[in-house]
Amino acid sequence: THTPSPMKFLNEILGRPKSERPFLLLVVGYPADDARVPDIQRKSLDEFTSFIDD
């Protein structure tokens, strides 16, 4: 998913009223052959969590 902030620009692009608020932009498909896609590695659970025992 990709969630730019703020996302109000979508209302104008899609012709939606101001009373609606987009909350998620789901990117689908395949990149172009000449696209530069970053090689992002998924973090393991241990890399971003901590557990506190009482």
C-alpha atoms as a PDB file:
ATOM      1  CA  THR A   1       0.000   0.000   0.000  1.00  0.00           C
ATOM      2  CA  HIS A   2       0.977   3.601  -0.438  1.00  0.00           C
ATOM      3  CA  THR A   3      -0.572   6.296   1.720  1.00  0.00           C
ATOM      4  CA  PRO A   4       0.616   9.800   0.804  1.00  0.00           C
ATOM      5  CA  SER A   5      -0.111  12.534   3.291  1.00  0.00           C
ATOM      6  CA  PRO A   6      -2.256  14.525   2.836  1.00  0.00           C
ATOM      7  CA  MET A   7      -4.486  12.588   0.433  1.00  0.00           C
ATOM      8  CA  LYS A   8      -6.972  15.398  -0.289  1.00  0.00           C
ATOM      9  CA  PHE A   9      -5.524  15.728  -3.801  1.00  0.00           C
ATOM     10  CA  LEU A  10      -7.422  12.541  -4.735  1.00  0.00           C
ATOM     11  CA  ASN A  11     -10.809  14.235  -4.215  1.00  0.00           C
ATOM     12  CA  GLU A  12      -9.988  16.748  -6.944  1.00  0.00           C
ATOM     13  CA  ILE A  13      -8.449  14.195  -9.315  1.00  0.00           C
ATOM     14  CA  LEU A  14     -11.364  11.767  -8.929  1.00  0.00           C
ATOM     15  CA  GLY A  15     -14.090  14.425  -8.778  1.00  0.00           C
ATOM     16  CA  ARG A  16     -15.265  13.400  -5.293  1.00  0.00           C
ATOM     17  CA  PRO A  17     -17.014  15.733  -2.804  1.00  0.00           C
ATOM     18  CA  LYS A  18     -15.125  17.252   0.129  1.00  0.00           C
ATOM     19  CA  SER A  19     -17.290  15.229   2.523  1.00  0.00           C
ATOM     20  CA  GLU A  20     -15.469  12.048   1.412  1.00  0.00           C
ATOM     21  CA  ARG A  21     -11.953  11.301   2.652  1.00  0.00           C
ATOM     22  CA  PRO A  22      -9.661   8.794   0.951  1.00  0.00           C
ATOM     23  CA  PHE A  23      -7.647   6.724   3.398  1.00  0.00           C
ATOM     24  CA  LEU A  24      -5.768   4.196   1.270  1.00  0.00           C
ATOM     25  CA  LEU A  25      -4.181   4.089  -2.146  1.00  0.00           C
ATOM     26  CA  LEU A  26      -3.577   0.517  -3.274  1.00  0.00           C
ATOM     27  CA  VAL A  27      -0.941   0.278  -5.984  1.00  0.00           C
ATOM     28  CA  VAL A  28      -1.402  -2.722  -8.287  1.00  0.00           C
ATOM     29  CA  GLY A  29       0.215  -3.985 -11.453  1.00  0.00           C
ATOM     30  CA  TYR A  30       3.750  -4.402 -12.673  1.00  0.00           C
ATOM     31  CA  PRO A  31       6.472  -1.759 -13.047  1.00  0.00           C
ATOM     32  CA  ALA A  32       7.536  -0.649 -16.517  1.00  0.00           C
ATOM     33  CA  ASP A  33      10.558  -2.457 -17.936  1.00  0.00           C
ATOM     34  CA  ASP A  34      12.718   0.642 -17.427  1.00  0.00           C
ATOM     35  CA  ALA A  35      11.373   1.464 -13.923  1.00  0.00           C
ATOM     36  CA  ARG A  36      13.805   1.690 -11.022  1.00  0.00           C
ATOM     37  CA  VAL A  37      12.291  -0.270  -8.143  1.00  0.00           C
ATOM     38  CA  PRO A  38      14.118  -0.213  -4.779  1.00  0.00           C
ATOM     39  CA  ASP A  39      15.265  -3.557  -3.405  1.00  0.00           C
ATOM     40  CA  ILE A  40      13.532  -3.395  -0.022  1.00  0.00           C
ATOM     41  CA  GLN A  41      14.034  -6.338   2.298  1.00  0.00           C
ATOM     42  CA  ARG A  42      11.334  -7.258   4.797  1.00  0.00           C
ATOM     43  CA  LYS A  43      12.384  -6.839   8.441  1.00  0.00           C
ATOM     44  CA  SER A  44      12.132  -9.753  10.816  1.00  0.00           C
ATOM     45  CA  LEU A  45       9.854  -9.475  13.846  1.00  0.00           C
ATOM     46  CA  ASP A  46      12.873  -9.186  16.162  1.00  0.00           C
ATOM     47  CA  GLU A  47      14.122  -6.101  14.311  1.00  0.00           C
ATOM     48  CA  PHE A  48      11.169  -3.879  15.217  1.00  0.00           C
ATOM     49  CA  THR A  49       9.572  -5.326  18.355  1.00  0.00           C
ATOM     50  CA  SER A  50      10.414  -5.459  22.021  1.00  0.00           C
ATOM     51  CA  PHE A  51       8.701  -7.434  24.735  1.00  0.00           C
ATOM     52  CA  ILE A  52       8.567  -6.322  28.374  1.00  0.00           C
ATOM     53  CA  ASP A  53       7.987  -8.921  31.067  1.00  0.00           C
ATOM     54  CA  ASP A  54       6.330  -7.916  34.341  1.00  0.00           C
END
